[in-house]
Amino acid sequence: ELAALLARAAREGRRVRPVGSGHSSSPLVRSGDILLSLEHLRGIVAVDPAAHEATLWAGTRLHDAGRALERHGLAFENLGDVDTEALAGALLTGTHGSGSRLANLASNLVGARLLAGDGSARELSGHADPEPLRALRVSLGALGVLSQVRLKLVASSPLRCAVDSSSAGI
């Protein structure tokens, strides 16, 4: 359906602009033509626990992805405090996590299915040819519409919160 929509829009000379969760404060998705939401393209497509990789639909929200990946023993290496973003939007806009030694979320992109403006699909693999994937990272949707993303992940581990009442002002 996504490829057909893009092909039809191209034939009609229309412009398609993908839109994520709307988290960005900039008018990045302002358009006088077609705004495309991927909100129904959600969930896990495939998991490779041995490689610590998973393929997810591009409209999957970060918080939903985290919960689903945890069921497979996997987790994101680093995330920020906002988890309502869609994966495609977070990857293509440079969403970062915390910590000076950890890279942004897009650095964990190892594969993708990218649909061009005419609806044709291209499978990108950082393992086979890293250059196109490097160009895709933080491209703001200018190179096409992501439908699936493959991410390098880490083994999930339980976290425990401890509050030191003497330093917390309690």
N, C-alpha and C. Protein backbone atom coordinates (compact mmCIF):
# COMPACT_ATOMS: atom_id res chain seq x y z
N GLU A 1 0.82 -1.20 0.00
CA GLU A 1 0.00 0.00 0.00
C GLU A 1 0.86 1.26 0.00
N LEU A 2 1.94 1.23 0.77
CA LEU A 2 2.83 2.39 0.84
C LEU A 2 3.50 2.64 -0.51
N ALA A 3 4.01 1.59 -1.11
CA ALA A 3 4.65 1.72 -2.43
C ALA A 3 3.65 2.21 -3.47
N ALA A 4 2.42 1.70 -3.43
CA ALA A 4 1.39 2.12 -4.38
C ALA A 4 1.03 3.60 -4.19
N LEU A 5 0.94 4.04 -2.94
CA LEU A 5 0.65 5.44 -2.67
C LEU A 5 1.74 6.35 -3.22
N LEU A 6 3.00 5.98 -3.00
CA LEU A 6 4.11 6.78 -3.50
C LEU A 6 4.13 6.81 -5.02
N ALA A 7 3.89 5.67 -5.65
CA ALA A 7 3.88 5.61 -7.12
C ALA A 7 2.76 6.46 -7.69
N ARG A 8 1.58 6.38 -7.08
CA ARG A 8 0.44 7.19 -7.56
C ARG A 8 0.73 8.68 -7.39
N ALA A 9 1.28 9.05 -6.25
CA ALA A 9 1.61 10.46 -6.02
C ALA A 9 2.63 10.95 -7.06
N ALA A 10 3.62 10.11 -7.38
CA ALA A 10 4.62 10.50 -8.38
C ALA A 10 3.98 10.69 -9.75
N ARG A 11 3.09 9.79 -10.13
CA ARG A 11 2.41 9.91 -11.43
C ARG A 11 1.58 11.19 -11.51
N GLU A 12 1.00 11.58 -10.37
CA GLU A 12 0.15 12.77 -10.33
C GLU A 12 0.93 14.06 -10.07
N GLY A 13 2.26 13.93 -9.92
CA GLY A 13 3.09 15.11 -9.67
C GLY A 13 2.92 15.69 -8.28
N ARG A 14 2.52 14.87 -7.34
CA ARG A 14 2.30 15.33 -5.97
C ARG A 14 3.52 15.02 -5.11
N ARG A 15 3.65 15.74 -4.03
CA ARG A 15 4.76 15.55 -3.10
C ARG A 15 4.25 14.89 -1.82
N VAL A 16 5.02 13.89 -1.36
CA VAL A 16 4.66 13.16 -0.15
C VAL A 16 5.69 13.49 0.92
N ARG A 17 5.21 13.84 2.09
CA ARG A 17 6.10 14.16 3.21
C ARG A 17 5.75 13.24 4.36
N PRO A 18 6.68 12.34 4.76
CA PRO A 18 6.40 11.48 5.91
C PRO A 18 6.38 12.30 7.20
N VAL A 19 5.49 11.94 8.09
CA VAL A 19 5.38 12.61 9.38
C VAL A 19 5.45 11.56 10.48
N GLY A 20 6.16 11.88 11.54
CA GLY A 20 6.28 10.97 12.68
C GLY A 20 5.30 11.33 13.77
N SER A 21 5.77 11.37 14.99
CA SER A 21 4.90 11.62 16.13
C SER A 21 4.66 13.10 16.38
N GLY A 22 5.37 13.97 15.67
CA GLY A 22 5.21 15.40 15.87
C GLY A 22 5.99 15.92 17.06
N HIS A 23 6.99 15.18 17.49
CA HIS A 23 7.79 15.58 18.66
C HIS A 23 8.68 16.79 18.38
N SER A 24 9.13 16.94 17.16
CA SER A 24 10.05 18.02 16.82
C SER A 24 9.36 19.38 16.97
N SER A 25 10.10 20.34 17.48
CA SER A 25 9.54 21.69 17.63
C SER A 25 9.69 22.51 16.35
N SER A 26 10.40 21.99 15.36
CA SER A 26 10.56 22.71 14.09
C SER A 26 9.42 22.33 13.14
N PRO A 27 9.14 23.16 12.14
CA PRO A 27 8.08 22.85 11.18
C PRO A 27 8.57 21.91 10.07
N LEU A 28 9.30 20.87 10.45
CA LEU A 28 9.93 19.96 9.51
C LEU A 28 8.94 19.32 8.55
N VAL A 29 7.75 19.00 8.99
CA VAL A 29 6.81 18.27 8.14
C VAL A 29 5.74 19.16 7.53
N ARG A 30 5.93 20.44 7.55
CA ARG A 30 4.97 21.34 6.92
C ARG A 30 4.88 20.99 5.44
N SER A 31 3.67 20.88 4.93
CA SER A 31 3.49 20.50 3.53
C SER A 31 2.17 21.04 3.01
N GLY A 32 2.17 21.40 1.76
CA GLY A 32 0.94 21.81 1.09
C GLY A 32 0.33 20.66 0.32
N ASP A 33 0.89 19.46 0.46
CA ASP A 33 0.41 18.32 -0.31
C ASP A 33 0.10 17.15 0.62
N ILE A 34 0.70 15.99 0.40
CA ILE A 34 0.35 14.78 1.15
C ILE A 34 1.26 14.60 2.36
N LEU A 35 0.66 14.51 3.54
CA LEU A 35 1.38 14.13 4.75
C LEU A 35 1.11 12.65 4.99
N LEU A 36 2.17 11.89 5.13
CA LEU A 36 2.06 10.43 5.25
C LEU A 36 2.43 10.00 6.65
N SER A 37 1.50 9.40 7.35
CA SER A 37 1.76 8.85 8.68
C SER A 37 2.04 7.36 8.57
N LEU A 38 3.05 6.91 9.29
CA LEU A 38 3.39 5.48 9.34
C LEU A 38 2.90 4.83 10.62
N GLU A 39 1.97 5.49 11.32
CA GLU A 39 1.57 5.03 12.64
C GLU A 39 1.01 3.61 12.66
N HIS A 40 0.53 3.11 11.54
CA HIS A 40 0.00 1.74 11.52
C HIS A 40 1.06 0.71 11.11
N LEU A 41 2.24 1.16 10.76
CA LEU A 41 3.36 0.25 10.45
C LEU A 41 4.16 0.08 11.74
N ARG A 42 3.66 -0.77 12.64
CA ARG A 42 4.28 -0.91 13.95
C ARG A 42 4.52 -2.37 14.29
N GLY A 43 5.56 -2.59 15.09
CA GLY A 43 5.85 -3.92 15.62
C GLY A 43 7.15 -4.49 15.09
N ILE A 44 7.44 -5.68 15.58
CA ILE A 44 8.66 -6.39 15.19
C ILE A 44 8.39 -7.22 13.95
N VAL A 45 9.29 -7.14 12.99
CA VAL A 45 9.22 -7.95 11.77
C VAL A 45 10.02 -9.23 11.96
N ALA A 46 11.24 -9.11 12.48
CA ALA A 46 12.13 -10.27 12.68
C ALA A 46 13.14 -9.94 13.77
N VAL A 47 13.60 -11.00 14.44
CA VAL A 47 14.60 -10.85 15.50
C VAL A 47 15.70 -11.87 15.26
N ASP A 48 16.94 -11.44 15.42
CA ASP A 48 18.10 -12.32 15.38
C ASP A 48 18.83 -12.17 16.72
N PRO A 49 18.43 -12.95 17.72
CA PRO A 49 19.02 -12.81 19.06
C PRO A 49 20.53 -13.04 19.08
N ALA A 50 21.01 -13.96 18.25
CA ALA A 50 22.45 -14.25 18.23
C ALA A 50 23.26 -13.05 17.76
N ALA A 51 22.73 -12.31 16.80
CA ALA A 51 23.42 -11.13 16.27
C ALA A 51 23.07 -9.86 17.05
N HIS A 52 22.14 -9.98 18.01
CA HIS A 52 21.63 -8.81 18.74
C HIS A 52 21.07 -7.77 17.77
N GLU A 53 20.25 -8.24 16.81
CA GLU A 53 19.63 -7.36 15.83
C GLU A 53 18.15 -7.68 15.71
N ALA A 54 17.39 -6.66 15.36
CA ALA A 54 15.96 -6.85 15.11
C ALA A 54 15.52 -5.90 14.01
N THR A 55 14.56 -6.35 13.22
CA THR A 55 13.94 -5.53 12.20
C THR A 55 12.55 -5.15 12.70
N LEU A 56 12.26 -3.86 12.63
CA LEU A 56 10.98 -3.34 13.11
C LEU A 56 10.35 -2.47 12.03
N TRP A 57 9.03 -2.36 12.07
CA TRP A 57 8.34 -1.44 11.19
C TRP A 57 8.69 -0.02 11.61
N ALA A 58 8.83 0.86 10.65
CA ALA A 58 9.34 2.21 10.89
C ALA A 58 8.43 3.09 11.73
N GLY A 59 7.15 2.79 11.81
CA GLY A 59 6.23 3.60 12.60
C GLY A 59 6.14 3.19 14.06
N THR A 60 6.89 2.18 14.46
CA THR A 60 6.87 1.70 15.84
C THR A 60 7.36 2.79 16.79
N ARG A 61 6.62 3.05 17.82
CA ARG A 61 7.03 4.03 18.84
C ARG A 61 8.15 3.44 19.68
N LEU A 62 9.05 4.28 20.11
CA LEU A 62 10.20 3.81 20.89
C LEU A 62 9.77 3.03 22.12
N HIS A 63 8.75 3.51 22.84
CA HIS A 63 8.33 2.81 24.06
C HIS A 63 7.74 1.44 23.74
N ASP A 64 7.03 1.32 22.63
CA ASP A 64 6.49 0.01 22.23
C ASP A 64 7.62 -0.91 21.78
N ALA A 65 8.60 -0.36 21.06
CA ALA A 65 9.73 -1.16 20.60
C ALA A 65 10.50 -1.72 21.80
N GLY A 66 10.73 -0.88 22.79
CA GLY A 66 11.47 -1.32 23.98
C GLY A 66 10.81 -2.48 24.68
N ARG A 67 9.49 -2.39 24.84
CA ARG A 67 8.75 -3.48 25.50
C ARG A 67 8.79 -4.76 24.67
N ALA A 68 8.60 -4.62 23.36
CA ALA A 68 8.59 -5.80 22.49
C ALA A 68 9.97 -6.44 22.41
N LEU A 69 11.01 -5.63 22.33
CA LEU A 69 12.37 -6.17 22.26
C LEU A 69 12.76 -6.87 23.55
N GLU A 70 12.29 -6.35 24.68
CA GLU A 70 12.63 -6.96 25.98
C GLU A 70 12.12 -8.39 26.05
N ARG A 71 10.99 -8.67 25.42
CA ARG A 71 10.46 -10.04 25.40
C ARG A 71 11.39 -11.00 24.65
N HIS A 72 12.29 -10.45 23.84
CA HIS A 72 13.28 -11.25 23.11
C HIS A 72 14.66 -11.15 23.76
N GLY A 73 14.73 -10.52 24.93
CA GLY A 73 16.00 -10.38 25.63
C GLY A 73 16.91 -9.31 25.06
N LEU A 74 16.34 -8.34 24.32
CA LEU A 74 17.12 -7.29 23.68
C LEU A 74 16.65 -5.91 24.12
N ALA A 75 17.53 -4.93 23.94
CA ALA A 75 17.21 -3.55 24.33
C ALA A 75 18.03 -2.58 23.51
N PHE A 76 17.57 -1.33 23.46
CA PHE A 76 18.36 -0.26 22.86
C PHE A 76 19.58 -0.01 23.74
N GLU A 77 20.69 0.32 23.12
CA GLU A 77 21.89 0.65 23.89
C GLU A 77 21.71 1.95 24.65
N ASN A 78 20.99 2.89 24.05
CA ASN A 78 20.89 4.23 24.61
C ASN A 78 19.62 4.88 24.09
N LEU A 79 18.87 5.50 24.97
CA LEU A 79 17.68 6.26 24.58
C LEU A 79 17.61 7.53 25.41
N GLY A 80 16.93 8.51 24.87
CA GLY A 80 16.69 9.74 25.62
C GLY A 80 15.51 9.57 26.54
N ASP A 81 15.06 10.65 27.12
CA ASP A 81 13.95 10.57 28.06
C ASP A 81 12.58 10.64 27.38
N VAL A 82 12.53 10.94 26.09
CA VAL A 82 11.28 10.97 25.35
C VAL A 82 11.18 9.68 24.55
N ASP A 83 10.16 8.88 24.83
CA ASP A 83 10.04 7.60 24.13
C ASP A 83 8.76 7.50 23.32
N THR A 84 8.14 8.63 23.02
CA THR A 84 6.91 8.62 22.23
C THR A 84 7.17 8.75 20.73
N GLU A 85 8.43 8.96 20.36
CA GLU A 85 8.77 9.13 18.95
C GLU A 85 8.64 7.82 18.18
N ALA A 86 8.37 7.94 16.88
CA ALA A 86 8.38 6.78 15.99
C ALA A 86 9.83 6.50 15.61
N LEU A 87 10.16 5.23 15.39
CA LEU A 87 11.53 4.86 15.04
C LEU A 87 12.06 5.64 13.85
N ALA A 88 11.29 5.71 12.77
CA ALA A 88 11.78 6.41 11.57
C ALA A 88 12.11 7.86 11.89
N GLY A 89 11.23 8.53 12.60
CA GLY A 89 11.48 9.92 12.95
C GLY A 89 12.69 10.08 13.85
N ALA A 90 12.81 9.20 14.83
CA ALA A 90 13.95 9.27 15.75
C ALA A 90 15.27 9.03 15.03
N LEU A 91 15.28 8.10 14.07
CA LEU A 91 16.50 7.79 13.34
C LEU A 91 16.88 8.89 12.35
N LEU A 92 15.89 9.46 11.71
CA LEU A 92 16.16 10.42 10.64
C LEU A 92 16.33 11.86 11.12
N THR A 93 16.11 12.09 12.41
CA THR A 93 16.27 13.45 12.95
C THR A 93 17.38 13.55 13.98
N GLY A 94 18.15 12.49 14.16
CA GLY A 94 19.30 12.58 15.06
C GLY A 94 18.97 12.47 16.53
N THR A 95 17.88 11.80 16.87
CA THR A 95 17.54 11.63 18.28
C THR A 95 18.71 11.02 19.02
N HIS A 96 18.98 11.55 20.15
CA HIS A 96 20.12 11.09 20.96
C HIS A 96 19.62 10.59 22.30
N GLY A 97 20.51 9.93 22.98
CA GLY A 97 20.22 9.47 24.33
C GLY A 97 21.01 10.30 25.30
N SER A 98 21.60 9.64 26.25
CA SER A 98 22.38 10.35 27.24
C SER A 98 23.77 9.74 27.32
N GLY A 99 24.70 10.47 27.85
CA GLY A 99 26.05 9.96 28.02
C GLY A 99 26.97 10.44 26.92
N SER A 100 28.10 10.97 27.30
CA SER A 100 29.03 11.53 26.32
C SER A 100 29.75 10.46 25.50
N ARG A 101 29.72 9.22 25.93
CA ARG A 101 30.43 8.14 25.21
C ARG A 101 29.51 7.28 24.37
N LEU A 102 28.23 7.62 24.35
CA LEU A 102 27.26 6.83 23.59
C LEU A 102 26.78 7.62 22.38
N ALA A 103 26.73 6.97 21.24
CA ALA A 103 26.32 7.62 20.00
C ALA A 103 24.80 7.77 19.95
N ASN A 104 24.30 8.52 18.96
CA ASN A 104 22.86 8.70 18.83
C ASN A 104 22.20 7.41 18.34
N LEU A 105 20.89 7.40 18.35
CA LEU A 105 20.13 6.21 17.97
C LEU A 105 20.44 5.75 16.55
N ALA A 106 20.61 6.70 15.62
CA ALA A 106 20.86 6.37 14.22
C ALA A 106 22.15 5.58 14.03
N SER A 107 23.09 5.68 14.95
CA SER A 107 24.34 4.92 14.83
C SER A 107 24.10 3.42 14.96
N ASN A 108 22.95 3.02 15.49
CA ASN A 108 22.61 1.61 15.63
C ASN A 108 21.83 1.05 14.45
N LEU A 109 21.62 1.87 13.43
CA LEU A 109 20.92 1.44 12.22
C LEU A 109 21.87 0.59 11.38
N VAL A 110 21.53 -0.68 11.18
CA VAL A 110 22.38 -1.58 10.39
C VAL A 110 21.70 -2.06 9.11
N GLY A 111 20.45 -1.66 8.92
CA GLY A 111 19.74 -2.04 7.71
C GLY A 111 18.41 -1.31 7.63
N ALA A 112 17.87 -1.22 6.43
CA ALA A 112 16.59 -0.53 6.25
C ALA A 112 15.98 -0.89 4.92
N ARG A 113 14.67 -0.74 4.85
CA ARG A 113 13.96 -0.78 3.57
C ARG A 113 13.52 0.66 3.31
N LEU A 114 14.01 1.22 2.22
CA LEU A 114 13.75 2.60 1.87
C LEU A 114 12.94 2.63 0.58
N LEU A 115 11.83 3.34 0.60
CA LEU A 115 11.01 3.49 -0.60
C LEU A 115 11.28 4.86 -1.20
N ALA A 116 11.59 4.86 -2.48
CA ALA A 116 11.86 6.10 -3.21
C ALA A 116 10.55 6.77 -3.56
N GLY A 117 10.63 7.97 -4.10
CA GLY A 117 9.45 8.74 -4.45
C GLY A 117 8.55 8.07 -5.48
N ASP A 118 9.11 7.13 -6.26
CA ASP A 118 8.29 6.43 -7.26
C ASP A 118 7.71 5.12 -6.71
N GLY A 119 7.96 4.83 -5.43
CA GLY A 119 7.43 3.62 -4.80
C GLY A 119 8.36 2.43 -4.86
N SER A 120 9.47 2.54 -5.59
CA SER A 120 10.40 1.42 -5.66
C SER A 120 11.12 1.26 -4.31
N ALA A 121 11.36 0.01 -3.94
CA ALA A 121 11.99 -0.28 -2.64
C ALA A 121 13.45 -0.64 -2.83
N ARG A 122 14.25 -0.23 -1.87
CA ARG A 122 15.67 -0.57 -1.85
C ARG A 122 16.02 -1.08 -0.46
N GLU A 123 16.63 -2.26 -0.44
CA GLU A 123 17.09 -2.83 0.82
C GLU A 123 18.51 -2.34 1.06
N LEU A 124 18.74 -1.70 2.19
CA LEU A 124 20.05 -1.20 2.55
C LEU A 124 20.62 -2.04 3.68
N SER A 125 21.90 -2.37 3.56
CA SER A 125 22.56 -3.16 4.59
C SER A 125 23.91 -2.55 4.91
N GLY A 126 24.10 -2.21 6.15
CA GLY A 126 25.38 -1.70 6.59
C GLY A 126 26.45 -2.76 6.57
N HIS A 127 26.04 -4.03 6.62
CA HIS A 127 26.99 -5.13 6.56
C HIS A 127 27.54 -5.29 5.14
N ALA A 128 26.66 -5.14 4.14
CA ALA A 128 27.07 -5.34 2.75
C ALA A 128 27.65 -4.08 2.11
N ASP A 129 27.03 -2.93 2.36
CA ASP A 129 27.45 -1.67 1.74
C ASP A 129 27.08 -0.53 2.70
N PRO A 130 27.99 -0.09 3.53
CA PRO A 130 27.65 0.89 4.57
C PRO A 130 27.38 2.31 4.08
N GLU A 131 27.85 2.71 2.92
CA GLU A 131 27.72 4.10 2.48
C GLU A 131 26.28 4.58 2.35
N PRO A 132 25.39 3.86 1.64
CA PRO A 132 24.01 4.36 1.55
C PRO A 132 23.33 4.46 2.92
N LEU A 133 23.64 3.54 3.80
CA LEU A 133 23.06 3.59 5.14
C LEU A 133 23.58 4.80 5.92
N ARG A 134 24.84 5.12 5.75
CA ARG A 134 25.40 6.32 6.40
C ARG A 134 24.69 7.57 5.90
N ALA A 135 24.38 7.62 4.62
CA ALA A 135 23.69 8.78 4.06
C ALA A 135 22.26 8.88 4.60
N LEU A 136 21.64 7.73 4.85
CA LEU A 136 20.26 7.70 5.34
C LEU A 136 20.15 8.25 6.75
N ARG A 137 21.14 7.99 7.58
CA ARG A 137 21.10 8.44 8.97
C ARG A 137 20.98 9.96 9.03
N VAL A 138 20.03 10.41 9.78
CA VAL A 138 19.78 11.84 10.00
C VAL A 138 19.56 12.58 8.67
N SER A 139 18.87 11.94 7.73
CA SER A 139 18.61 12.55 6.42
C SER A 139 17.30 13.32 6.37
N LEU A 140 16.56 13.37 7.47
CA LEU A 140 15.32 14.14 7.59
C LEU A 140 14.25 13.73 6.58
N GLY A 141 14.31 12.51 6.09
CA GLY A 141 13.31 12.02 5.14
C GLY A 141 13.55 12.44 3.71
N ALA A 142 14.67 13.10 3.45
CA ALA A 142 14.94 13.62 2.10
C ALA A 142 15.27 12.52 1.09
N LEU A 143 15.64 11.34 1.55
CA LEU A 143 16.05 10.27 0.63
C LEU A 143 14.94 9.28 0.32
N GLY A 144 13.81 9.42 0.96
CA GLY A 144 12.71 8.50 0.74
C GLY A 144 11.98 8.22 2.04
N VAL A 145 11.12 7.22 2.00
CA VAL A 145 10.30 6.85 3.14
C VAL A 145 10.79 5.52 3.69
N LEU A 146 11.13 5.49 4.96
CA LEU A 146 11.52 4.23 5.60
C LEU A 146 10.27 3.42 5.88
N SER A 147 10.30 2.13 5.56
CA SER A 147 9.19 1.26 5.95
C SER A 147 9.64 0.28 7.03
N GLN A 148 10.89 -0.16 6.98
CA GLN A 148 11.44 -1.05 8.00
C GLN A 148 12.85 -0.62 8.35
N VAL A 149 13.22 -0.88 9.60
CA VAL A 149 14.57 -0.58 10.06
C VAL A 149 15.14 -1.80 10.78
N ARG A 150 16.43 -2.02 10.59
CA ARG A 150 17.12 -3.10 11.30
C ARG A 150 18.13 -2.42 12.22
N LEU A 151 18.07 -2.78 13.50
CA LEU A 151 18.88 -2.13 14.52
C LEU A 151 19.81 -3.09 15.23
N LYS A 152 21.00 -2.61 15.54
CA LYS A 152 21.93 -3.32 16.40
C LYS A 152 21.50 -3.01 17.83
N LEU A 153 21.35 -4.03 18.65
CA LEU A 153 20.84 -3.89 19.99
C LEU A 153 21.81 -4.50 20.99
N VAL A 154 21.46 -4.45 22.25
CA VAL A 154 22.25 -5.07 23.31
C VAL A 154 21.34 -6.02 24.07
N ALA A 155 21.95 -6.91 24.84
CA ALA A 155 21.17 -7.80 25.69
C ALA A 155 20.46 -6.96 26.75
N SER A 156 19.20 -7.27 26.99
CA SER A 156 18.46 -6.51 28.01
C SER A 156 18.95 -6.93 29.39
N SER A 157 18.83 -6.01 30.31
CA SER A 157 19.21 -6.30 31.69
C SER A 157 18.31 -5.50 32.61
N PRO A 158 18.00 -6.05 33.76
CA PRO A 158 17.11 -5.32 34.68
C PRO A 158 17.82 -4.09 35.26
N LEU A 159 17.05 -3.05 35.46
CA LEU A 159 17.57 -1.83 36.08
C LEU A 159 16.94 -1.70 37.46
N ARG A 160 17.68 -1.12 38.35
CA ARG A 160 17.17 -0.91 39.69
C ARG A 160 17.43 0.56 40.04
N CYS A 161 16.42 1.19 40.58
CA CYS A 161 16.55 2.59 40.99
C CYS A 161 16.73 2.63 42.49
N ALA A 162 17.76 3.34 42.91
CA ALA A 162 18.01 3.52 44.34
C ALA A 162 18.13 5.00 44.62
N VAL A 163 17.43 5.46 45.65
CA VAL A 163 17.49 6.87 46.01
C VAL A 163 18.20 7.00 47.35
N ASP A 164 19.20 7.83 47.35
CA ASP A 164 19.93 8.13 48.58
C ASP A 164 19.19 9.29 49.23
N SER A 165 18.47 9.01 50.29
CA SER A 165 17.62 10.03 50.92
C SER A 165 18.44 11.18 51.50
N SER A 166 19.71 10.96 51.79
CA SER A 166 20.50 12.04 52.36
C SER A 166 20.85 13.09 51.30
N SER A 167 20.93 12.70 50.03
CA SER A 167 21.28 13.66 48.98
C SER A 167 20.07 14.11 48.18
N ALA A 168 18.93 13.46 48.37
CA ALA A 168 17.75 13.80 47.59
C ALA A 168 16.88 14.84 48.28
N GLY A 169 17.30 15.34 49.41
CA GLY A 169 16.52 16.33 50.12
C GLY A 169 15.29 15.78 50.75
N ILE A 170 15.28 14.49 51.02
CA ILE A 170 14.10 13.85 51.63
C ILE A 170 14.24 13.83 53.13
